[in-house]
């Protein structure tokens, strides 16, 4: 049974994530947005982030025709809700759920 309150839209576009305060932490991490909704997104990232971490998420690929009303944001601040290792073709990544934050 689906527990989500809002509809998710499948998307496959490039993103870059970095800590909100990137002065104190490492380099940005590349990834791929896999779905989005008005409350957040799911991405495959090249690094693991702990739940509660606040990231700046910047889209570097196409919006694939999605709008803000459908949850697509080209630049967002989001909180990591969960992160799990995942094997993909050519390597490994972390499936990561992010919730959009309003600042």
Protein backbone atom coordinates (compact mmCIF):
# COMPACT_ATOMS: atom_id res chain seq x y z
CA UNK A 1 0.00 0.00 0.00
CA UNK A 2 1.33 3.41 -0.99
CA UNK A 3 1.91 5.71 2.01
CA UNK A 4 2.87 8.86 0.10
CA UNK A 5 0.51 11.82 0.28
CA UNK A 6 1.64 13.24 -3.07
CA UNK A 7 2.29 11.75 -6.48
CA UNK A 8 5.88 10.91 -7.47
CA UNK A 9 7.09 11.64 -10.99
CA UNK A 10 9.77 9.45 -12.55
CA UNK A 11 12.74 11.37 -13.86
CA UNK A 12 16.32 10.60 -14.74
CA UNK A 13 18.44 13.74 -14.72
CA UNK A 14 21.89 14.69 -13.43
CA UNK A 15 22.32 16.48 -10.11
CA UNK A 16 25.15 17.72 -7.91
CA UNK A 17 24.86 17.71 -4.10
CA UNK A 18 26.98 19.55 -1.57
CA UNK A 19 26.74 20.28 2.12
CA UNK A 20 24.85 23.47 2.92
CA UNK A 21 28.03 24.72 4.59
CA UNK A 22 30.49 23.32 2.03
CA UNK A 23 33.41 25.32 3.45
CA UNK A 24 33.70 22.72 6.20
CA UNK A 25 33.19 19.59 4.11
CA UNK A 26 34.46 17.81 0.99
CA UNK A 27 33.80 18.16 -2.69
CA UNK A 28 30.35 18.12 -4.29
CA UNK A 29 28.92 14.69 -5.14
CA UNK A 30 27.39 13.83 -8.51
CA UNK A 31 24.20 11.86 -8.73
CA UNK A 32 21.00 11.19 -10.61
CA UNK A 33 17.50 12.29 -9.62
CA UNK A 34 15.19 9.26 -10.03
CA UNK A 35 11.86 10.71 -8.97
CA UNK A 36 10.44 13.91 -7.52
CA UNK A 37 7.29 15.25 -5.89
CA UNK A 38 6.29 18.49 -4.25
CA UNK A 39 7.82 17.35 -0.94
CA UNK A 40 11.17 15.97 -2.10
CA UNK A 41 13.07 13.62 -4.34
CA UNK A 42 14.85 10.31 -4.54
CA UNK A 43 18.35 10.23 -6.00
CA UNK A 44 21.21 7.86 -6.62
CA UNK A 45 24.32 9.54 -5.20
CA UNK A 46 28.00 8.70 -5.32
CA UNK A 47 28.37 9.09 -1.54
CA UNK A 48 26.52 8.17 1.65
CA UNK A 49 25.00 10.95 3.75
CA UNK A 50 23.61 10.47 7.25
CA UNK A 51 19.94 11.12 7.93
CA UNK A 52 19.46 14.72 9.01
CA UNK A 53 22.24 16.10 6.80
CA UNK A 54 21.22 19.26 4.95
CA UNK A 55 22.33 19.45 1.32
CA UNK A 56 22.14 21.91 -1.54
CA UNK A 57 20.85 20.00 -4.59
CA UNK A 58 21.51 21.52 -8.00
CA UNK A 59 20.14 20.04 -11.22
CA UNK A 60 22.69 19.88 -14.03
CA UNK A 61 20.50 17.95 -16.47
CA UNK A 62 17.15 18.50 -18.15
CA UNK A 63 13.86 19.01 -16.32
CA UNK A 64 12.35 16.40 -18.69
CA UNK A 65 9.28 18.65 -18.95
CA UNK A 66 8.42 18.66 -15.23
CA UNK A 67 7.47 21.85 -13.40
CA UNK A 68 7.74 23.21 -9.85
CA UNK A 69 4.13 22.13 -9.25
CA UNK A 70 5.20 18.53 -9.94
CA UNK A 71 8.20 18.78 -7.61
CA UNK A 72 11.01 19.57 -10.03
CA UNK A 73 13.45 22.12 -8.66
CA UNK A 74 16.64 23.17 -10.40
CA UNK A 75 18.07 24.37 -7.07
CA UNK A 76 16.90 23.25 -3.63
CA UNK A 77 17.91 22.84 -0.02
CA UNK A 78 16.92 19.38 1.21
CA UNK A 79 17.33 17.16 4.27
CA UNK A 80 18.47 13.56 3.92
CA UNK A 81 15.74 11.29 5.29
CA UNK A 82 17.40 7.96 4.43
CA UNK A 83 20.33 6.53 2.45
CA UNK A 84 20.86 2.90 1.40
CA UNK A 85 23.62 1.25 -0.65
CA UNK A 86 22.56 0.12 -4.11
CA UNK A 87 24.35 -1.71 -6.90
CA UNK A 88 23.94 -0.23 -10.35
CA UNK A 89 25.45 -1.05 -13.69
CA UNK A 90 29.11 -0.10 -13.56
CA UNK A 91 29.42 0.31 -9.79
CA UNK A 92 27.72 1.18 -6.57
CA UNK A 93 25.82 4.20 -5.29
CA UNK A 94 23.45 5.21 -2.51
CA UNK A 95 19.72 5.48 -3.05
CA UNK A 96 18.87 8.58 -1.02
CA UNK A 97 15.55 10.12 -0.01
CA UNK A 98 15.58 13.90 0.39
CA UNK A 99 12.89 16.21 1.77
CA UNK A 100 12.75 19.77 0.48
CA UNK A 101 13.27 22.43 3.15
CA UNK A 102 11.93 25.97 3.10
CA UNK A 103 14.50 28.55 4.16
